[in-house]
Protein backbone atom coordinates (compact mmCIF):
# COMPACT_ATOMS: atom_id res chain seq x y z
CA ILE A 1 -75.81 2.44 -65.95
CA PHE A 2 -74.43 4.15 -68.97
CA ASP A 3 -75.57 2.66 -72.21
CA GLU A 4 -73.50 3.96 -75.10
CA ILE A 5 -73.27 7.38 -73.46
CA ASP A 6 -70.07 7.94 -75.48
CA THR A 7 -71.84 7.80 -78.94
CA GLY A 8 -70.32 10.49 -81.14
CA VAL A 9 -67.29 10.89 -78.85
CA SER A 10 -63.72 10.03 -79.60
CA GLY A 11 -60.11 10.75 -78.95
CA GLU A 12 -59.26 13.06 -75.95
CA VAL A 13 -62.84 13.60 -75.14
CA ALA A 14 -63.42 9.79 -74.79
CA SER A 15 -60.40 9.52 -72.47
CA LYS A 16 -61.65 12.26 -70.40
CA MET A 17 -65.12 10.76 -70.21
CA GLY A 18 -63.55 7.52 -69.15
CA GLU A 19 -61.54 9.32 -66.40
CA LEU A 20 -64.77 11.00 -65.13
CA MET A 21 -66.59 7.60 -64.98
CA GLN A 22 -63.57 6.26 -63.06
CA ILE A 23 -63.87 9.03 -60.47
CA LEU A 24 -67.62 8.52 -60.28
CA SER A 25 -66.97 4.87 -59.61
CA GLN A 26 -65.07 5.66 -56.45
CA ARG A 27 -68.39 6.60 -54.84
CA ILE A 28 -71.02 4.48 -56.57
CA GLN A 29 -71.18 1.37 -58.77
CA VAL A 30 -70.84 2.32 -62.51
CA ILE A 31 -71.72 0.07 -65.43
CA THR A 32 -70.86 1.27 -68.78
CA ILE A 33 -71.66 -0.18 -72.22
CA THR A 34 -69.16 1.28 -74.66
CA HIS A 35 -67.51 0.72 -77.98
CA LEU A 36 -64.63 2.97 -77.09
CA PRO A 37 -61.37 1.38 -75.91
CA GLN A 38 -60.42 4.58 -74.11
CA VAL A 39 -63.52 4.20 -71.87
CA ALA A 40 -63.41 0.47 -71.54
CA ALA A 41 -59.68 0.54 -70.42
CA LYS A 42 -60.70 2.74 -67.36
CA GLY A 43 -62.88 -0.02 -65.81
CA ASN A 44 -61.99 -2.22 -62.95
CA SER A 45 -63.55 -5.06 -64.82
CA HIS A 46 -64.34 -5.76 -68.42
CA TYR A 47 -67.27 -7.95 -69.55
CA LYS A 48 -67.88 -8.91 -73.13
CA VAL A 49 -71.55 -9.19 -74.20
CA TYR A 50 -72.06 -11.30 -77.30
CA LYS A 51 -74.84 -13.14 -79.07
CA LEU A 52 -74.90 -16.69 -80.37
CA ASP A 53 -77.44 -17.90 -82.99
CA ASP A 54 -78.70 -21.29 -83.60
CA GLU A 55 -81.43 -22.46 -86.06
CA GLN A 56 -84.18 -21.44 -83.68
CA THR A 57 -83.00 -18.68 -81.36
CA THR A 58 -80.49 -15.96 -80.63
CA ASN A 59 -78.99 -16.02 -77.13
CA THR A 60 -77.26 -13.16 -75.42
CA HIS A 61 -74.29 -14.05 -73.23
CA ILE A 62 -71.92 -12.15 -70.95
CA ARG A 63 -68.58 -13.09 -69.50
CA GLN A 64 -65.64 -11.40 -67.64
CA LEU A 65 -62.53 -11.08 -69.40
CA SER A 66 -59.11 -11.89 -68.09
CA ASP A 67 -56.32 -9.30 -68.22
CA ASP A 68 -54.89 -10.81 -71.39
CA GLU A 69 -58.40 -11.12 -73.01
CA ARG A 70 -59.08 -7.45 -72.13
CA VAL A 71 -55.96 -6.42 -74.06
CA SER A 72 -57.00 -8.40 -77.05
CA GLU A 73 -60.61 -7.02 -76.87
CA LEU A 74 -59.20 -3.49 -76.72
CA ALA A 75 -56.89 -4.19 -79.66
CA LEU A 76 -60.01 -5.49 -81.65
CA MET A 77 -61.97 -2.29 -80.72
CA LEU A 78 -58.96 -0.23 -81.95
CA SER A 79 -58.16 -1.97 -85.24
CA GLY A 80 -60.75 -4.64 -85.97
CA SER A 81 -58.01 -7.32 -85.22
CA SER A 82 -57.12 -8.87 -81.83
CA ASP A 83 -53.60 -9.94 -83.12
CA ASN A 84 -52.44 -6.76 -84.69
CA GLN A 85 -49.09 -5.97 -82.85
CA ALA A 86 -49.53 -2.11 -83.13
CA ALA A 87 -53.10 -2.46 -81.87
CA LEU A 88 -52.01 -4.65 -79.03
CA ALA A 89 -49.32 -2.16 -78.03
CA ALA A 90 -51.81 0.70 -78.26
CA ALA A 91 -54.24 -1.33 -76.16
CA ARG A 92 -51.58 -1.91 -73.47
CA SER A 93 -50.75 1.76 -73.41
CA LEU A 94 -54.36 2.54 -72.52
CA PHE A 95 -53.91 0.91 -69.11
CA ASP A 96 -51.05 3.30 -68.18
């Protein structure tokens, strides 16, 4: 389990880190918590972890994203918007 191992990393180094984790995952299970789209795009599966608050509690949730949801989430990570056309195109390119 890698919890934000990519802190302070970006660009080409982030892509290389994602590739190394992808290679590692061929031998063992790898779970990575990341805010970098270059790393997130390398995974076989993508889960979104989020919190919901009500008047009394905060609950943490996790759910697996579909392929389309993955692209939207990566676009959100790239630009702060999940419907920005340039970010969506960039997100799709990360899967190539």
